[in-house]
């Protein structure tokens, strides 16, 4: 093999190596850009998910608290009604009870 032919082959191998290194460097750069973009998109998706979850939680909390308030109001109304009936019943029975005690004391 002549010296010129050997140099041409060596130059071709070196050029192929440079080309391969450039391809690898571009691929690495592209992968880095893709990674950065994926991290940014992931952060955006997470932020939207947090906002949505917070909004839904607030709505559910409002519904639950509204229901609890309604139940407490209903229970309070029932208690007041029962108390009023008990007091009315006691007022009706009081004269008879007083008369019974008086009769016992007169005895």
N, C-alpha and C. Protein backbone atom coordinates (compact mmCIF):
# COMPACT_ATOMS: atom_id res chain seq x y z
N UNK A 1 0.85 -1.16 0.00
CA UNK A 1 0.00 0.00 0.00
C UNK A 1 0.90 1.23 0.00
N UNK A 2 0.53 2.12 -0.86
CA UNK A 2 1.36 3.31 -0.99
C UNK A 2 1.05 4.28 0.13
N UNK A 3 2.01 5.16 0.40
CA UNK A 3 1.86 6.13 1.47
C UNK A 3 0.68 7.05 1.26
N UNK A 4 0.43 7.44 0.01
CA UNK A 4 -0.69 8.33 -0.30
C UNK A 4 -2.02 7.65 -0.05
N UNK A 5 -2.08 6.38 -0.44
CA UNK A 5 -3.34 5.63 -0.26
C UNK A 5 -3.60 5.41 1.22
N UNK A 6 -2.53 5.11 1.99
CA UNK A 6 -2.65 4.91 3.43
C UNK A 6 -3.14 6.20 4.08
N UNK A 7 -2.63 7.33 3.68
CA UNK A 7 -3.03 8.62 4.25
C UNK A 7 -4.49 8.93 3.92
N UNK A 8 -4.89 8.57 2.70
CA UNK A 8 -6.30 8.80 2.34
C UNK A 8 -7.22 7.97 3.23
N UNK A 9 -6.85 6.71 3.47
CA UNK A 9 -7.67 5.85 4.31
C UNK A 9 -7.67 6.36 5.76
N UNK A 10 -6.51 6.77 6.22
CA UNK A 10 -6.41 7.31 7.57
C UNK A 10 -7.26 8.57 7.70
N UNK A 11 -7.18 9.43 6.71
CA UNK A 11 -7.99 10.66 6.72
C UNK A 11 -9.47 10.31 6.70
N UNK A 12 -9.87 9.29 5.93
CA UNK A 12 -11.28 8.87 5.88
C UNK A 12 -11.72 8.34 7.24
N UNK A 13 -10.86 7.57 7.90
CA UNK A 13 -11.19 7.03 9.23
C UNK A 13 -11.31 8.18 10.23
N UNK A 14 -10.37 9.11 10.17
CA UNK A 14 -10.42 10.25 11.09
C UNK A 14 -11.66 11.11 10.84
N UNK A 15 -12.02 11.30 9.59
CA UNK A 15 -13.23 12.06 9.24
C UNK A 15 -14.48 11.34 9.77
N UNK A 16 -14.51 10.02 9.62
CA UNK A 16 -15.65 9.23 10.11
C UNK A 16 -15.75 9.35 11.63
N UNK A 17 -14.58 9.34 12.30
CA UNK A 17 -14.57 9.47 13.76
C UNK A 17 -15.08 10.85 14.16
N UNK A 18 -14.63 11.92 13.47
CA UNK A 18 -15.11 13.28 13.78
C UNK A 18 -16.62 13.36 13.56
N UNK A 19 -17.07 12.78 12.46
CA UNK A 19 -18.49 12.79 12.14
C UNK A 19 -19.28 12.05 13.22
N UNK A 20 -18.76 10.90 13.65
CA UNK A 20 -19.44 10.13 14.70
C UNK A 20 -19.48 10.91 16.01
N UNK A 21 -18.37 11.57 16.35
CA UNK A 21 -18.34 12.39 17.58
C UNK A 21 -19.36 13.52 17.50
N UNK A 22 -19.45 14.16 16.35
CA UNK A 22 -20.43 15.24 16.17
C UNK A 22 -21.86 14.70 16.30
N UNK A 23 -22.09 13.53 15.72
CA UNK A 23 -23.42 12.90 15.80
C UNK A 23 -23.76 12.58 17.26
N UNK A 24 -22.79 12.04 17.98
CA UNK A 24 -23.00 11.72 19.40
C UNK A 24 -23.24 13.00 20.19
N UNK A 25 -22.47 14.04 19.91
CA UNK A 25 -22.64 15.32 20.62
C UNK A 25 -24.02 15.90 20.34
N UNK A 26 -24.48 15.86 19.08
CA UNK A 26 -25.82 16.37 18.74
C UNK A 26 -26.89 15.53 19.44
N UNK A 27 -26.68 14.22 19.44
CA UNK A 27 -27.65 13.34 20.11
C UNK A 27 -27.71 13.63 21.60
N UNK A 28 -26.55 13.85 22.21
CA UNK A 28 -26.50 14.17 23.64
C UNK A 28 -27.20 15.50 23.90
N UNK A 29 -26.92 16.49 23.08
CA UNK A 29 -27.55 17.81 23.21
C UNK A 29 -29.07 17.69 23.06
N UNK A 30 -29.49 16.92 22.07
CA UNK A 30 -30.92 16.72 21.83
C UNK A 30 -31.57 16.01 23.03
N UNK A 31 -30.87 15.03 23.56
CA UNK A 31 -31.40 14.32 24.73
C UNK A 31 -31.51 15.25 25.93
N UNK A 32 -30.52 16.12 26.12
CA UNK A 32 -30.56 17.09 27.22
C UNK A 32 -31.74 18.05 27.05
N UNK A 33 -31.95 18.53 25.82
CA UNK A 33 -33.07 19.43 25.55
C UNK A 33 -34.40 18.73 25.82
N UNK A 34 -34.49 17.48 25.40
CA UNK A 34 -35.70 16.70 25.63
C UNK A 34 -35.94 16.52 27.13
N UNK A 35 -34.89 16.24 27.88
CA UNK A 35 -34.99 16.07 29.32
C UNK A 35 -35.47 17.36 29.99
N UNK A 36 -34.88 18.47 29.60
CA UNK A 36 -35.29 19.77 30.17
C UNK A 36 -36.76 20.05 29.85
N UNK A 37 -37.14 19.82 28.61
CA UNK A 37 -38.54 20.04 28.20
C UNK A 37 -39.47 19.12 28.97
N UNK A 38 -39.06 17.88 29.19
CA UNK A 38 -39.89 16.93 29.94
C UNK A 38 -40.05 17.37 31.39
N UNK A 39 -38.97 17.88 31.97
CA UNK A 39 -39.05 18.36 33.37
C UNK A 39 -39.97 19.56 33.48
N UNK A 40 -39.87 20.47 32.52
CA UNK A 40 -40.74 21.66 32.52
C UNK A 40 -42.20 21.23 32.37
N UNK A 41 -42.46 20.34 31.42
CA UNK A 41 -43.84 19.87 31.19
C UNK A 41 -44.36 19.13 32.42
N UNK A 42 -43.51 18.33 33.05
CA UNK A 42 -43.90 17.60 34.25
C UNK A 42 -44.28 18.58 35.37
N UNK A 43 -43.49 19.64 35.53
CA UNK A 43 -43.80 20.65 36.55
C UNK A 43 -45.13 21.34 36.23
N UNK A 44 -45.37 21.63 34.95
CA UNK A 44 -46.64 22.26 34.56
C UNK A 44 -47.82 21.33 34.86
N UNK A 45 -47.68 20.06 34.51
CA UNK A 45 -48.75 19.09 34.76
C UNK A 45 -49.00 18.95 36.26
N UNK A 46 -47.93 18.90 37.03
CA UNK A 46 -48.07 18.80 38.49
C UNK A 46 -48.79 20.01 39.06
N UNK A 47 -48.45 21.19 38.57
CA UNK A 47 -49.09 22.41 39.06
C UNK A 47 -50.59 22.41 38.74
N UNK A 48 -50.93 22.01 37.52
CA UNK A 48 -52.35 21.94 37.13
C UNK A 48 -53.07 20.91 37.99
N UNK A 49 -52.44 19.77 38.22
CA UNK A 49 -53.05 18.71 39.03
C UNK A 49 -53.28 19.20 40.46
N UNK A 50 -52.29 19.92 41.02
CA UNK A 50 -52.45 20.46 42.38
C UNK A 50 -53.60 21.46 42.43
N UNK A 51 -53.66 22.37 41.46
CA UNK A 51 -54.72 23.36 41.42
C UNK A 51 -56.09 22.69 41.30
N UNK A 52 -56.18 21.70 40.43
CA UNK A 52 -57.44 20.98 40.25
C UNK A 52 -57.84 20.26 41.52
N UNK A 53 -56.89 19.58 42.14
CA UNK A 53 -57.18 18.86 43.39
C UNK A 53 -57.60 19.83 44.49
N UNK A 54 -56.91 20.96 44.60
CA UNK A 54 -57.28 21.97 45.62
C UNK A 54 -58.68 22.49 45.38
N UNK A 55 -59.01 22.76 44.12
CA UNK A 55 -60.34 23.28 43.77
C UNK A 55 -61.42 22.24 44.11
N UNK A 56 -61.17 20.99 43.74
CA UNK A 56 -62.14 19.93 44.03
C UNK A 56 -62.29 19.72 45.53
N UNK A 57 -61.18 19.77 46.26
CA UNK A 57 -61.23 19.62 47.71
C UNK A 57 -62.05 20.73 48.34
N UNK A 58 -61.86 21.96 47.86
CA UNK A 58 -62.62 23.09 48.38
C UNK A 58 -64.11 22.90 48.11
N UNK A 59 -64.44 22.44 46.91
CA UNK A 59 -65.85 22.20 46.58
C UNK A 59 -66.43 21.10 47.45
N UNK A 60 -65.71 20.01 47.61
CA UNK A 60 -66.21 18.91 48.44
C UNK A 60 -66.35 19.33 49.89
N UNK A 61 -65.39 20.09 50.38
CA UNK A 61 -65.45 20.58 51.75
C UNK A 61 -66.69 21.44 51.94
N UNK A 62 -66.98 22.29 50.97
CA UNK A 62 -68.15 23.15 51.03
C UNK A 62 -69.43 22.32 51.07
N UNK A 63 -69.50 21.29 50.24
CA UNK A 63 -70.68 20.42 50.21
C UNK A 63 -70.85 19.71 51.55
N UNK A 64 -69.75 19.15 52.07
CA UNK A 64 -69.81 18.42 53.34
C UNK A 64 -70.20 19.35 54.48
N UNK A 65 -69.59 20.52 54.53
CA UNK A 65 -69.93 21.47 55.60
C UNK A 65 -71.37 21.95 55.48
N UNK A 66 -71.83 22.16 54.27
CA UNK A 66 -73.22 22.56 54.07
C UNK A 66 -74.17 21.49 54.55
N UNK A 67 -73.86 20.24 54.25
CA UNK A 67 -74.68 19.12 54.69
C UNK A 67 -74.65 19.00 56.22
N UNK A 68 -73.46 19.15 56.80
CA UNK A 68 -73.34 19.08 58.26
C UNK A 68 -74.13 20.20 58.92
N UNK A 69 -74.05 21.40 58.37
CA UNK A 69 -74.82 22.53 58.92
C UNK A 69 -76.31 22.24 58.86
N UNK A 70 -76.78 21.68 57.76
CA UNK A 70 -78.20 21.36 57.61
C UNK A 70 -78.62 20.30 58.63
N UNK A 71 -77.78 19.30 58.83
CA UNK A 71 -78.10 18.25 59.80
C UNK A 71 -78.13 18.81 61.22
N UNK A 72 -77.19 19.66 61.54
CA UNK A 72 -77.17 20.28 62.88
C UNK A 72 -78.41 21.14 63.08
N UNK A 73 -78.79 21.89 62.06
CA UNK A 73 -79.99 22.72 62.17
C UNK A 73 -81.23 21.86 62.37
N UNK A 74 -81.33 20.76 61.64
CA UNK A 74 -82.48 19.85 61.79
C UNK A 74 -82.50 19.24 63.19
N UNK A 75 -81.36 18.82 63.68
CA UNK A 75 -81.29 18.22 65.02
C UNK A 75 -81.65 19.26 66.09
N UNK A 76 -81.18 20.49 65.89
CA UNK A 76 -81.49 21.56 66.84
C UNK A 76 -82.99 21.84 66.84
N UNK A 77 -83.61 21.88 65.66
CA UNK A 77 -85.06 22.08 65.57
C UNK A 77 -85.80 20.96 66.29
N UNK A 78 -85.37 19.72 66.07
CA UNK A 78 -86.01 18.58 66.73
C UNK A 78 -85.87 18.69 68.25
N UNK A 79 -84.69 19.09 68.72
CA UNK A 79 -84.47 19.22 70.16
C UNK A 79 -85.36 20.31 70.75
N UNK A 80 -85.48 21.42 70.04
CA UNK A 80 -86.34 22.50 70.52
C UNK A 80 -87.80 22.05 70.57
N UNK A 81 -88.23 21.33 69.55
CA UNK A 81 -89.61 20.82 69.52
C UNK A 81 -89.85 19.86 70.68
N UNK A 82 -88.91 18.95 70.91
CA UNK A 82 -89.04 18.00 72.02
C UNK A 82 -89.04 18.72 73.36
N UNK A 83 -88.21 19.73 73.52
CA UNK A 83 -88.17 20.51 74.76
C UNK A 83 -89.49 21.24 74.98
N UNK A 84 -90.00 21.86 73.93
CA UNK A 84 -91.28 22.57 74.04
C UNK A 84 -92.39 21.61 74.46
N UNK A 85 -92.43 20.43 73.87
CA UNK A 85 -93.46 19.43 74.23
C UNK A 85 -93.30 19.00 75.69
N UNK A 86 -92.06 18.78 76.11
CA UNK A 86 -91.80 18.35 77.49
C UNK A 86 -92.24 19.43 78.47
N UNK A 87 -91.90 20.68 78.17
CA UNK A 87 -92.30 21.79 79.06
C UNK A 87 -93.81 21.96 79.09
N UNK A 88 -94.45 21.84 77.93
CA UNK A 88 -95.92 21.95 77.89
C UNK A 88 -96.56 20.83 78.70
N UNK A 89 -96.04 19.63 78.56
CA UNK A 89 -96.56 18.48 79.31
C UNK A 89 -96.38 18.71 80.81
N UNK A 90 -95.21 19.22 81.20
CA UNK A 90 -94.94 19.48 82.62
C UNK A 90 -95.88 20.55 83.15
N UNK A 91 -96.13 21.58 82.35
CA UNK A 91 -97.05 22.65 82.79
C UNK A 91 -98.46 22.12 82.98
N UNK A 92 -98.86 21.21 82.10
CA UNK A 92 -100.20 20.63 82.22
C UNK A 92 -100.30 19.75 83.46
N UNK A 93 -99.27 19.05 83.81
CA UNK A 93 -99.30 18.13 84.94
C UNK A 93 -99.05 18.84 86.28
N UNK A 94 -98.48 20.00 86.24
CA UNK A 94 -98.11 20.68 87.47
C UNK A 94 -99.30 20.92 88.41
N UNK A 95 -100.42 21.44 87.94
CA UNK A 95 -101.53 21.66 88.89
C UNK A 95 -101.98 20.36 89.57
N UNK A 96 -102.02 19.28 88.81
CA UNK A 96 -102.43 18.00 89.40
C UNK A 96 -101.40 17.54 90.42
N UNK A 97 -100.12 17.73 90.13
CA UNK A 97 -99.06 17.32 91.06
C UNK A 97 -99.11 18.16 92.33
N UNK A 98 -99.31 19.47 92.16
CA UNK A 98 -99.41 20.34 93.33
C UNK A 98 -100.62 19.94 94.19
N UNK A 99 -101.71 19.65 93.52
CA UNK A 99 -102.92 19.25 94.27
C UNK A 99 -102.66 17.94 95.01
N UNK A 100 -101.98 17.00 94.39
CA UNK A 100 -101.68 15.72 95.04
C UNK A 100 -100.78 15.91 96.25
N UNK A 101 -99.78 16.79 96.13
CA UNK A 101 -98.88 17.05 97.26
C UNK A 101 -99.66 17.73 98.37
N UNK A 102 -100.51 18.69 98.01
CA UNK A 102 -101.30 19.39 99.01
C UNK A 102 -102.20 18.42 99.76
N UNK A 103 -102.83 17.53 99.03
CA UNK A 103 -103.73 16.56 99.64
C UNK A 103 -102.96 15.66 100.58
N UNK A 104 -101.75 15.27 100.20
CA UNK A 104 -100.93 14.41 101.05
C UNK A 104 -100.55 15.15 102.32
N UNK A 105 -100.20 16.43 102.18
CA UNK A 105 -99.79 17.22 103.34
C UNK A 105 -100.97 17.50 104.27
N UNK A 106 -102.14 17.63 103.72
CA UNK A 106 -103.34 17.92 104.53
C UNK A 106 -103.74 16.67 105.28
N UNK A 107 -103.40 15.58 104.74
CA UNK A 107 -103.68 14.35 105.17
C UNK A 107 -104.35 13.58 106.09
